[in-house]
PDB file of N, CA and C in Angstrom:
ATOM      1  N   UNK A   1      -7.054  -3.143   5.369  1.00  0.00           N
ATOM      2  CA  UNK A   1      -5.827  -3.649   5.943  1.00  0.00           C
ATOM      3  C   UNK A   1      -4.847  -4.044   4.836  1.00  0.00           C
ATOM      4  N   UNK A   2      -5.357  -4.705   3.818  1.00  0.00           N
ATOM      5  CA  UNK A   2      -4.471  -5.122   2.725  1.00  0.00           C
ATOM      6  C   UNK A   2      -3.978  -3.916   1.951  1.00  0.00           C
ATOM      7  N   UNK A   3      -4.853  -2.956   1.685  1.00  0.00           N
ATOM      8  CA  UNK A   3      -4.402  -1.771   0.940  1.00  0.00           C
ATOM      9  C   UNK A   3      -3.359  -1.001   1.751  1.00  0.00           C
ATOM     10  N   UNK A   4      -3.537  -0.910   3.059  1.00  0.00           N
ATOM     11  CA  UNK A   4      -2.538  -0.237   3.896  1.00  0.00           C
ATOM     12  C   UNK A   4      -1.203  -0.963   3.824  1.00  0.00           C
ATOM     13  N   UNK A   5      -1.233  -2.284   3.836  1.00  0.00           N
ATOM     14  CA  UNK A   5       0.016  -3.050   3.747  1.00  0.00           C
ATOM     15  C   UNK A   5       0.683  -2.896   2.390  1.00  0.00           C
ATOM     16  N   UNK A   6      -0.106  -2.794   1.331  1.00  0.00           N
ATOM     17  CA  UNK A   6       0.486  -2.569   0.012  1.00  0.00           C
ATOM     18  C   UNK A   6       1.191  -1.218  -0.034  1.00  0.00           C
ATOM     19  N   UNK A   7       0.567  -0.193   0.526  1.00  0.00           N
ATOM     20  CA  UNK A   7       1.208   1.127   0.560  1.00  0.00           C
ATOM     21  C   UNK A   7       2.406   1.141   1.503  1.00  0.00           C
ATOM     22  N   UNK A   8       2.297   0.421   2.611  1.00  0.00           N
ATOM     23  CA  UNK A   8       3.424   0.348   3.546  1.00  0.00           C
ATOM     24  C   UNK A   8       4.638  -0.317   2.912  1.00  0.00           C
ATOM     25  N   UNK A   9       4.410  -1.230   2.001  1.00  0.00           N
ATOM     26  CA  UNK A   9       5.534  -1.859   1.309  1.00  0.00           C
ATOM     27  C   UNK A   9       6.359  -0.803   0.582  1.00  0.00           C
ATOM     28  N   UNK A  10       5.698   0.177  -0.017  1.00  0.00           N
ATOM     29  CA  UNK A  10       6.423   1.270  -0.663  1.00  0.00           C
ATOM     30  C   UNK A  10       7.131   2.151   0.360  1.00  0.00           C
ATOM     31  N   UNK A  11       6.446   2.458   1.455  1.00  0.00           N
ATOM     32  CA  UNK A  11       7.021   3.344   2.466  1.00  0.00           C
ATOM     33  C   UNK A  11       8.222   2.708   3.159  1.00  0.00           C
ATOM     34  N   UNK A  12       8.194   1.409   3.345  1.00  0.00           N
ATOM     35  CA  UNK A  12       9.265   0.729   4.080  1.00  0.00           C
ATOM     36  C   UNK A  12      10.461   0.355   3.210  1.00  0.00           C
ATOM     37  N   UNK A  13      10.464   0.775   1.978  1.00  0.00           N
ATOM     38  CA  UNK A  13      11.633   0.512   1.130  1.00  0.00           C
ATOM     39  C   UNK A  13      12.849   1.263   1.657  1.00  0.00           C
ATOM     40  N   UNK A  14      12.612   2.364   2.348  1.00  0.00           N
ATOM     41  CA  UNK A  14      13.694   3.132   2.946  1.00  0.00           C
ATOM     42  C   UNK A  14      13.173   3.813   4.199  1.00  0.00           C
ATOM     43  N   UNK A  15      13.953   3.755   5.270  1.00  0.00           N
ATOM     44  CA  UNK A  15      13.564   4.446   6.494  1.00  0.00           C
ATOM     45  C   UNK A  15      14.136   5.859   6.530  1.00  0.00           C
ATOM     46  N   UNK A  16      14.908   6.221   5.513  1.00  0.00           N
ATOM     47  CA  UNK A  16      15.516   7.540   5.472  1.00  0.00           C
ATOM     48  C   UNK A  16      14.947   8.438   4.384  1.00  0.00           C
ATOM     49  N   UNK A  17      14.513   7.864   3.279  1.00  0.00           N
ATOM     50  CA  UNK A  17      14.045   8.657   2.141  1.00  0.00           C
ATOM     51  C   UNK A  17      12.554   8.467   1.918  1.00  0.00           C
ATOM     52  N   UNK A  18      11.904   9.527   1.451  1.00  0.00           N
ATOM     53  CA  UNK A  18      10.471   9.501   1.188  1.00  0.00           C
ATOM     54  C   UNK A  18      10.156   8.635  -0.025  1.00  0.00           C
ATOM     55  N   UNK A  19       8.886   8.267  -0.148  1.00  0.00           N
ATOM     56  CA  UNK A  19       8.434   7.392  -1.235  1.00  0.00           C
ATOM     57  C   UNK A  19       8.831   7.953  -2.589  1.00  0.00           C
ATOM     58  N   UNK A  20       8.663   9.258  -2.790  1.00  0.00           N
ATOM     59  CA  UNK A  20       8.947   9.831  -4.106  1.00  0.00           C
ATOM     60  C   UNK A  20      10.414   9.669  -4.511  1.00  0.00           C
ATOM     61  N   UNK A  21      11.307   9.442  -3.541  1.00  0.00           N
ATOM     62  CA  UNK A  21      12.727   9.238  -3.872  1.00  0.00           C
ATOM     63  C   UNK A  21      13.067   7.766  -4.071  1.00  0.00           C
ATOM     64  N   UNK A  22      12.214   6.874  -3.603  1.00  0.00           N
ATOM     65  CA  UNK A  22      12.534   5.441  -3.672  1.00  0.00           C
ATOM     66  C   UNK A  22      11.619   4.656  -4.603  1.00  0.00           C
ATOM     67  N   UNK A  23      10.639   5.314  -5.180  1.00  0.00           N
ATOM     68  CA  UNK A  23       9.633   4.595  -5.965  1.00  0.00           C
ATOM     69  C   UNK A  23      10.223   3.904  -7.197  1.00  0.00           C
ATOM     70  N   UNK A  24      11.316   4.424  -7.708  1.00  0.00           N
ATOM     71  CA  UNK A  24      11.891   3.834  -8.920  1.00  0.00           C
ATOM     72  C   UNK A  24      13.113   2.978  -8.651  1.00  0.00           C
ATOM     73  N   UNK A  25      13.313   2.550  -7.383  1.00  0.00           N
ATOM     74  CA  UNK A  25      14.389   1.599  -7.099  1.00  0.00           C
ATOM     75  C   UNK A  25      14.193   0.374  -7.981  1.00  0.00           C
ATOM     76  N   UNK A  26      15.273  -0.114  -8.510  1.00  0.00           N
ATOM     77  CA  UNK A  26      15.198  -1.286  -9.393  1.00  0.00           C
ATOM     78  C   UNK A  26      15.096  -2.551  -8.538  1.00  0.00           C
ATOM     79  N   UNK A  27      13.921  -3.118  -8.502  1.00  0.00           N
ATOM     80  CA  UNK A  27      13.683  -4.362  -7.790  1.00  0.00           C
ATOM     81  C   UNK A  27      12.471  -5.043  -8.424  1.00  0.00           C
ATOM     82  N   UNK A  28      12.695  -5.824  -9.473  1.00  0.00           N
ATOM     83  CA  UNK A  28      11.572  -6.442 -10.176  1.00  0.00           C
ATOM     84  C   UNK A  28      10.743  -7.366  -9.296  1.00  0.00           C
ATOM     85  N   UNK A  29      11.366  -8.028  -8.349  1.00  0.00           N
ATOM     86  CA  UNK A  29      10.622  -8.934  -7.465  1.00  0.00           C
ATOM     87  C   UNK A  29       9.598  -8.168  -6.643  1.00  0.00           C
ATOM     88  N   UNK A  30       9.965  -7.000  -6.182  1.00  0.00           N
ATOM     89  CA  UNK A  30       9.059  -6.178  -5.388  1.00  0.00           C
ATOM     90  C   UNK A  30       7.797  -5.857  -6.173  1.00  0.00           C
ATOM     91  N   UNK A  31       7.964  -5.396  -7.390  1.00  0.00           N
ATOM     92  CA  UNK A  31       6.803  -5.022  -8.204  1.00  0.00           C
ATOM     93  C   UNK A  31       5.944  -6.233  -8.552  1.00  0.00           C
ATOM     94  N   UNK A  32       6.572  -7.368  -8.799  1.00  0.00           N
ATOM     95  CA  UNK A  32       5.814  -8.592  -9.106  1.00  0.00           C
ATOM     96  C   UNK A  32       4.985  -9.018  -7.894  1.00  0.00           C
ATOM     97  N   UNK A  33       5.603  -9.034  -6.730  1.00  0.00           N
ATOM     98  CA  UNK A  33       4.896  -9.437  -5.513  1.00  0.00           C
ATOM     99  C   UNK A  33       3.778  -8.457  -5.184  1.00  0.00           C
ATOM    100  N   UNK A  34       4.055  -7.174  -5.314  1.00  0.00           N
ATOM    101  CA  UNK A  34       3.042  -6.157  -5.046  1.00  0.00           C
ATOM    102  C   UNK A  34       1.869  -6.282  -6.022  1.00  0.00           C
ATOM    103  N   UNK A  35       2.173  -6.452  -7.289  1.00  0.00           N
ATOM    104  CA  UNK A  35       1.125  -6.622  -8.292  1.00  0.00           C
ATOM    105  C   UNK A  35       0.308  -7.878  -8.062  1.00  0.00           C
ATOM    106  N   UNK A  36       0.974  -8.975  -7.724  1.00  0.00           N
ATOM    107  CA  UNK A  36       0.283 -10.230  -7.459  1.00  0.00           C
ATOM    108  C   UNK A  36      -0.635 -10.089  -6.245  1.00  0.00           C
ATOM    109  N   UNK A  37      -0.170  -9.409  -5.209  1.00  0.00           N
ATOM    110  CA  UNK A  37      -0.987  -9.198  -4.009  1.00  0.00           C
ATOM    111  C   UNK A  37      -2.234  -8.379  -4.330  1.00  0.00           C
ATOM    112  N   UNK A  38      -2.070  -7.315  -5.096  1.00  0.00           N
ATOM    113  CA  UNK A  38      -3.207  -6.477  -5.479  1.00  0.00           C
ATOM    114  C   UNK A  38      -4.178  -7.268  -6.356  1.00  0.00           C
ATOM    115  N   UNK A  39      -3.662  -8.056  -7.273  1.00  0.00           N
ATOM    116  CA  UNK A  39      -4.504  -8.884  -8.135  1.00  0.00           C
ATOM    117  C   UNK A  39      -5.288  -9.902  -7.319  1.00  0.00           C
ATOM    118  N   UNK A  40      -4.626 -10.554  -6.378  1.00  0.00           N
ATOM    119  CA  UNK A  40      -5.307 -11.551  -5.548  1.00  0.00           C
ATOM    120  C   UNK A  40      -6.396 -10.901  -4.692  1.00  0.00           C
ATOM    121  N   UNK A  41      -6.145  -9.717  -4.179  1.00  0.00           N
ATOM    122  CA  UNK A  41      -7.168  -9.006  -3.415  1.00  0.00           C
ATOM    123  C   UNK A  41      -8.380  -8.726  -4.300  1.00  0.00           C
ATOM    124  N   UNK A  42      -8.131  -8.243  -5.516  1.00  0.00           N
ATOM    125  CA  UNK A  42      -9.215  -7.960  -6.447  1.00  0.00           C
ATOM    126  C   UNK A  42     -10.003  -9.230  -6.772  1.00  0.00           C
ATOM    127  N   UNK A  43      -9.300 -10.321  -7.048  1.00  0.00           N
ATOM    128  CA  UNK A  43      -9.954 -11.582  -7.410  1.00  0.00           C
ATOM    129  C   UNK A  43     -10.798 -12.091  -6.247  1.00  0.00           C
ATOM    130  N   UNK A  44     -10.249 -12.059  -5.031  1.00  0.00           N
ATOM    131  CA  UNK A  44     -10.995 -12.546  -3.872  1.00  0.00           C
ATOM    132  C   UNK A  44     -12.233 -11.691  -3.616  1.00  0.00           C
ATOM    133  N   UNK A  45     -12.123 -10.386  -3.843  1.00  0.00           N
ATOM    134  CA  UNK A  45     -13.268  -9.506  -3.611  1.00  0.00           C
ATOM    135  C   UNK A  45     -14.346  -9.629  -4.676  1.00  0.00           C
ATOM    136  N   UNK A  46     -13.949  -9.866  -5.921  1.00  0.00           N
ATOM    137  CA  UNK A  46     -14.923  -9.760  -7.004  1.00  0.00           C
ATOM    138  C   UNK A  46     -15.236 -11.057  -7.732  1.00  0.00           C
ATOM    139  N   UNK A  47     -14.620 -12.163  -7.366  1.00  0.00           N
ATOM    140  CA  UNK A  47     -15.028 -13.474  -7.890  1.00  0.00           C
ATOM    141  C   UNK A  47     -15.887 -14.104  -6.800  1.00  0.00           C
ATOM    142  N   UNK A  48     -17.160 -14.288  -7.096  1.00  0.00           N
ATOM    143  CA  UNK A  48     -18.148 -14.678  -6.096  1.00  0.00           C
ATOM    144  C   UNK A  48     -17.722 -15.908  -5.293  1.00  0.00           C
ATOM    145  N   UNK A  49     -17.289 -16.957  -5.953  1.00  0.00           N
ATOM    146  CA  UNK A  49     -16.902 -18.193  -5.262  1.00  0.00           C
ATOM    147  C   UNK A  49     -15.777 -17.949  -4.263  1.00  0.00           C
ATOM    148  N   UNK A  50     -14.759 -17.231  -4.677  1.00  0.00           N
ATOM    149  CA  UNK A  50     -13.631 -16.972  -3.776  1.00  0.00           C
ATOM    150  C   UNK A  50     -14.019 -16.040  -2.633  1.00  0.00           C
ATOM    151  N   UNK A  51     -14.867 -15.076  -2.922  1.00  0.00           N
ATOM    152  CA  UNK A  51     -15.358 -14.195  -1.869  1.00  0.00           C
ATOM    153  C   UNK A  51     -16.091 -14.972  -0.793  1.00  0.00           C
ATOM    154  N   UNK A  52     -16.922 -15.913  -1.219  1.00  0.00           N
ATOM    155  CA  UNK A  52     -17.635 -16.747  -0.255  1.00  0.00           C
ATOM    156  C   UNK A  52     -16.675 -17.654   0.505  1.00  0.00           C
ATOM    157  N   UNK A  53     -15.702 -18.196  -0.182  1.00  0.00           N
ATOM    158  CA  UNK A  53     -14.725 -19.076   0.445  1.00  0.00           C
ATOM    159  C   UNK A  53     -13.947 -18.353   1.553  1.00  0.00           C
ATOM    160  N   UNK A  54     -13.567 -17.112   1.297  1.00  0.00           N
ATOM    161  CA  UNK A  54     -12.806 -16.334   2.270  1.00  0.00           C
ATOM    162  C   UNK A  54     -13.700 -15.495   3.194  1.00  0.00           C
ATOM    163  N   UNK A  55     -15.006 -15.578   3.012  1.00  0.00           N
ATOM    164  CA  UNK A  55     -15.927 -14.823   3.862  1.00  0.00           C
ATOM    165  C   UNK A  55     -15.882 -13.334   3.610  1.00  0.00           C
ATOM    166  N   UNK A  56     -15.687 -12.944   2.362  1.00  0.00           N
ATOM    167  CA  UNK A  56     -15.612 -11.528   2.017  1.00  0.00           C
ATOM    168  C   UNK A  56     -16.701 -11.196   0.999  1.00  0.00           C
ATOM    169  N   UNK A  57     -17.077  -9.935   0.959  1.00  0.00           N
ATOM    170  CA  UNK A  57     -18.076  -9.475   0.004  1.00  0.00           C
ATOM    171  C   UNK A  57     -17.452  -8.430  -0.907  1.00  0.00           C
ATOM    172  N   UNK A  58     -18.042  -8.270  -2.076  1.00  0.00           N
ATOM    173  CA  UNK A  58     -17.573  -7.246  -3.007  1.00  0.00           C
ATOM    174  C   UNK A  58     -17.776  -5.870  -2.387  1.00  0.00           C
ATOM    175  N   UNK A  59     -16.890  -4.947  -2.732  1.00  0.00           N
ATOM    176  CA  UNK A  59     -16.982  -3.587  -2.215  1.00  0.00           C
ATOM    177  C   UNK A  59     -17.519  -2.661  -3.293  1.00  0.00           C
ATOM    178  N   UNK A  60     -18.315  -1.693  -2.871  1.00  0.00           N
ATOM    179  CA  UNK A  60     -18.763  -0.662  -3.802  1.00  0.00           C
ATOM    180  C   UNK A  60     -17.587   0.267  -4.099  1.00  0.00           C
ATOM    181  N   UNK A  61     -17.742   1.116  -5.081  1.00  0.00           N
ATOM    182  CA  UNK A  61     -16.686   2.079  -5.411  1.00  0.00           C
ATOM    183  C   UNK A  61     -16.418   2.984  -4.209  1.00  0.00           C
ATOM    184  N   UNK A  62     -17.469   3.386  -3.514  1.00  0.00           N
ATOM    185  CA  UNK A  62     -17.316   4.242  -2.339  1.00  0.00           C
ATOM    186  C   UNK A  62     -16.513   3.513  -1.252  1.00  0.00           C
ATOM    187  N   UNK A  63     -16.886   2.273  -0.963  1.00  0.00           N
ATOM    188  CA  UNK A  63     -16.179   1.512   0.072  1.00  0.00           C
ATOM    189  C   UNK A  63     -14.725   1.260  -0.314  1.00  0.00           C
ATOM    190  N   UNK A  64     -14.494   0.933  -1.565  1.00  0.00           N
ATOM    191  CA  UNK A  64     -13.133   0.702  -2.038  1.00  0.00           C
ATOM    192  C   UNK A  64     -12.312   1.986  -1.944  1.00  0.00           C
ATOM    193  N   UNK A  65     -12.926   3.113  -2.258  1.00  0.00           N
ATOM    194  CA  UNK A  65     -12.237   4.406  -2.147  1.00  0.00           C
ATOM    195  C   UNK A  65     -11.864   4.710  -0.700  1.00  0.00           C
ATOM    196  N   UNK A  66     -12.762   4.395   0.221  1.00  0.00           N
ATOM    197  CA  UNK A  66     -12.480   4.603   1.643  1.00  0.00           C
ATOM    198  C   UNK A  66     -11.303   3.733   2.075  1.00  0.00           C
ATOM    199  N   UNK A  67     -11.273   2.484   1.612  1.00  0.00           N
ATOM    200  CA  UNK A  67     -10.168   1.579   1.960  1.00  0.00           C
ATOM    201  C   UNK A  67      -8.836   2.098   1.434  1.00  0.00           C
ATOM    202  N   UNK A  68      -8.826   2.551   0.198  1.00  0.00           N
ATOM    203  CA  UNK A  68      -7.586   3.058  -0.394  1.00  0.00           C
ATOM    204  C   UNK A  68      -7.147   4.340   0.308  1.00  0.00           C
ATOM    205  N   UNK A  69      -8.085   5.235   0.582  1.00  0.00           N
ATOM    206  CA  UNK A  69      -7.755   6.479   1.280  1.00  0.00           C
ATOM    207  C   UNK A  69      -7.220   6.197   2.681  1.00  0.00           C
ATOM    208  N   UNK A  70      -7.843   5.272   3.384  1.00  0.00           N
ATOM    209  CA  UNK A  70      -7.366   4.898   4.716  1.00  0.00           C
ATOM    210  C   UNK A  70      -5.969   4.301   4.641  1.00  0.00           C
ATOM    211  N   UNK A  71      -5.724   3.475   3.621  1.00  0.00           N
ATOM    212  CA  UNK A  71      -4.391   2.910   3.426  1.00  0.00           C
ATOM    213  C   UNK A  71      -3.351   3.982   3.179  1.00  0.00           C
ATOM    214  N   UNK A  72      -3.694   4.967   2.368  1.00  0.00           N
ATOM    215  CA  UNK A  72      -2.766   6.069   2.105  1.00  0.00           C
ATOM    216  C   UNK A  72      -2.513   6.900   3.362  1.00  0.00           C
ATOM    217  N   UNK A  73      -3.559   7.144   4.129  1.00  0.00           N
ATOM    218  CA  UNK A  73      -3.399   7.918   5.363  1.00  0.00           C
ATOM    219  C   UNK A  73      -2.559   7.174   6.394  1.00  0.00           C
ATOM    220  N   UNK A  74      -2.649   5.858   6.377  1.00  0.00           N
ATOM    221  CA  UNK A  74      -1.851   5.093   7.332  1.00  0.00           C
ATOM    222  C   UNK A  74      -0.360   5.191   7.030  1.00  0.00           C
ATOM    223  N   UNK A  75      -0.026   5.522   5.811  1.00  0.00           N
ATOM    224  CA  UNK A  75       1.371   5.678   5.414  1.00  0.00           C
ATOM    225  C   UNK A  75       1.819   7.134   5.558  1.00  0.00           C
ATOM    226  N   UNK A  76       0.875   8.048   5.509  1.00  0.00           N
ATOM    227  CA  UNK A  76       1.209   9.480   5.534  1.00  0.00           C
ATOM    228  C   UNK A  76       1.990   9.873   6.778  1.00  0.00           C
ATOM    229  N   UNK A  77       1.636   9.336   7.934  1.00  0.00           N
ATOM    230  CA  UNK A  77       2.349   9.711   9.160  1.00  0.00           C
ATOM    231  C   UNK A  77       3.809   9.289   9.086  1.00  0.00           C
ATOM    232  N   UNK A  78       4.069   8.122   8.514  1.00  0.00           N
ATOM    233  CA  UNK A  78       5.447   7.632   8.406  1.00  0.00           C
ATOM    234  C   UNK A  78       6.238   8.492   7.429  1.00  0.00           C
ATOM    235  N   UNK A  79       5.615   8.880   6.340  1.00  0.00           N
ATOM    236  CA  UNK A  79       6.266   9.755   5.373  1.00  0.00           C
ATOM    237  C   UNK A  79       6.541  11.126   5.989  1.00  0.00           C
ATOM    238  N   UNK A  80       5.616  11.612   6.791  1.00  0.00           N
ATOM    239  CA  UNK A  80       5.816  12.882   7.497  1.00  0.00           C
ATOM    240  C   UNK A  80       7.003  12.763   8.456  1.00  0.00           C
ATOM    241  N   UNK A  81       7.079  11.659   9.175  1.00  0.00           N
ATOM    242  CA  UNK A  81       8.199  11.407  10.084  1.00  0.00           C
ATOM    243  C   UNK A  81       9.528  11.402   9.331  1.00  0.00           C
ATOM    244  N   UNK A  82       9.570  10.721   8.176  1.00  0.00           N
ATOM    245  CA  UNK A  82      10.805  10.680   7.393  1.00  0.00           C
ATOM    246  C   UNK A  82      11.175  12.061   6.882  1.00  0.00           C
ATOM    247  N   UNK A  83      10.183  12.873   6.501  1.00  0.00           N
ATOM    248  CA  UNK A  83      10.454  14.227   6.036  1.00  0.00           C
ATOM    249  C   UNK A  83      11.024  15.101   7.138  1.00  0.00           C
ATOM    250  N   UNK A  84      10.452  15.016   8.321  1.00  0.00           N
ATOM    251  CA  UNK A  84      10.963  15.783   9.461  1.00  0.00           C
ATOM    252  C   UNK A  84      12.375  15.325   9.811  1.00  0.00           C
ATOM    253  N   UNK A  85      12.599  14.040   9.795  1.00  0.00           N
ATOM    254  CA  UNK A  85      13.923  13.484  10.089  1.00  0.00           C
ATOM    255  C   UNK A  85      14.957  13.979   9.085  1.00  0.00           C
ATOM    256  N   UNK A  86      14.577  14.005   7.808  1.00  0.00           N
ATOM    257  CA  UNK A  86      15.493  14.468   6.763  1.00  0.00           C
ATOM    258  C   UNK A  86      15.818  15.952   6.931  1.00  0.00           C
ATOM    259  N   UNK A  87      14.822  16.759   7.297  1.00  0.00           N
ATOM    260  CA  UNK A  87      15.056  18.182   7.515  1.00  0.00           C
ATOM    261  C   UNK A  87      15.985  18.398   8.697  1.00  0.00           C
ATOM    262  N   UNK A  88      15.761  17.662   9.798  1.00  0.00           N
ATOM    263  CA  UNK A  88      16.623  17.801  10.978  1.00  0.00           C
ATOM    264  C   UNK A  88      18.046  17.396  10.682  1.00  0.00           C
ATOM    265  N   UNK A  89      18.229  16.348   9.888  1.00  0.00           N
ATOM    266  CA  UNK A  89      19.590  15.879   9.567  1.00  0.00           C
ATOM    267  C   UNK A  89      20.323  16.844   8.653  1.00  0.00           C
ATOM    268  N   UNK A  90      19.582  17.597   7.844  1.00  0.00           N
ATOM    269  CA  UNK A  90      20.241  18.529   6.916  1.00  0.00           C
ATOM    270  C   UNK A  90      20.632  19.833   7.610  1.00  0.00           C
ATOM    271  N   UNK A  91      20.155  20.067   8.809  1.00  0.00           N
ATOM    272  CA  UNK A  91      20.488  21.313   9.515  1.00  0.00           C
ATOM    273  C   UNK A  91      21.803  21.230  10.207  1.00  0.00           C
TER     274      UNK A  91
END
C-alpha cells in the first residue's frame, strides 16, 4: 500500500502528462517528502523495535519485490489512461 502511494505521488503530479514528462519537475519539497516516506517505511520494516511497535515484520527480497511490482502496476492503469487521453486530444 505504501509503495503504491509513493508511485501514485509521481503519477498524480499531472493528470494530463505521463510520468516520463513530469519526473523532472522542479519541486524540492516533493522529493524530500517522498524520500522521507520511503526511508521511514524501510526503517519501520527493518528496525526490529519499530517493526514490533507498528505490528509489522521484515520482508524478504521476494516479498519486497512483489510489493514494488504491485505498486507499479497500480499506477500503470492511470498512466495508460493518460496516454490514451493524450492521443485522443492530439487527433
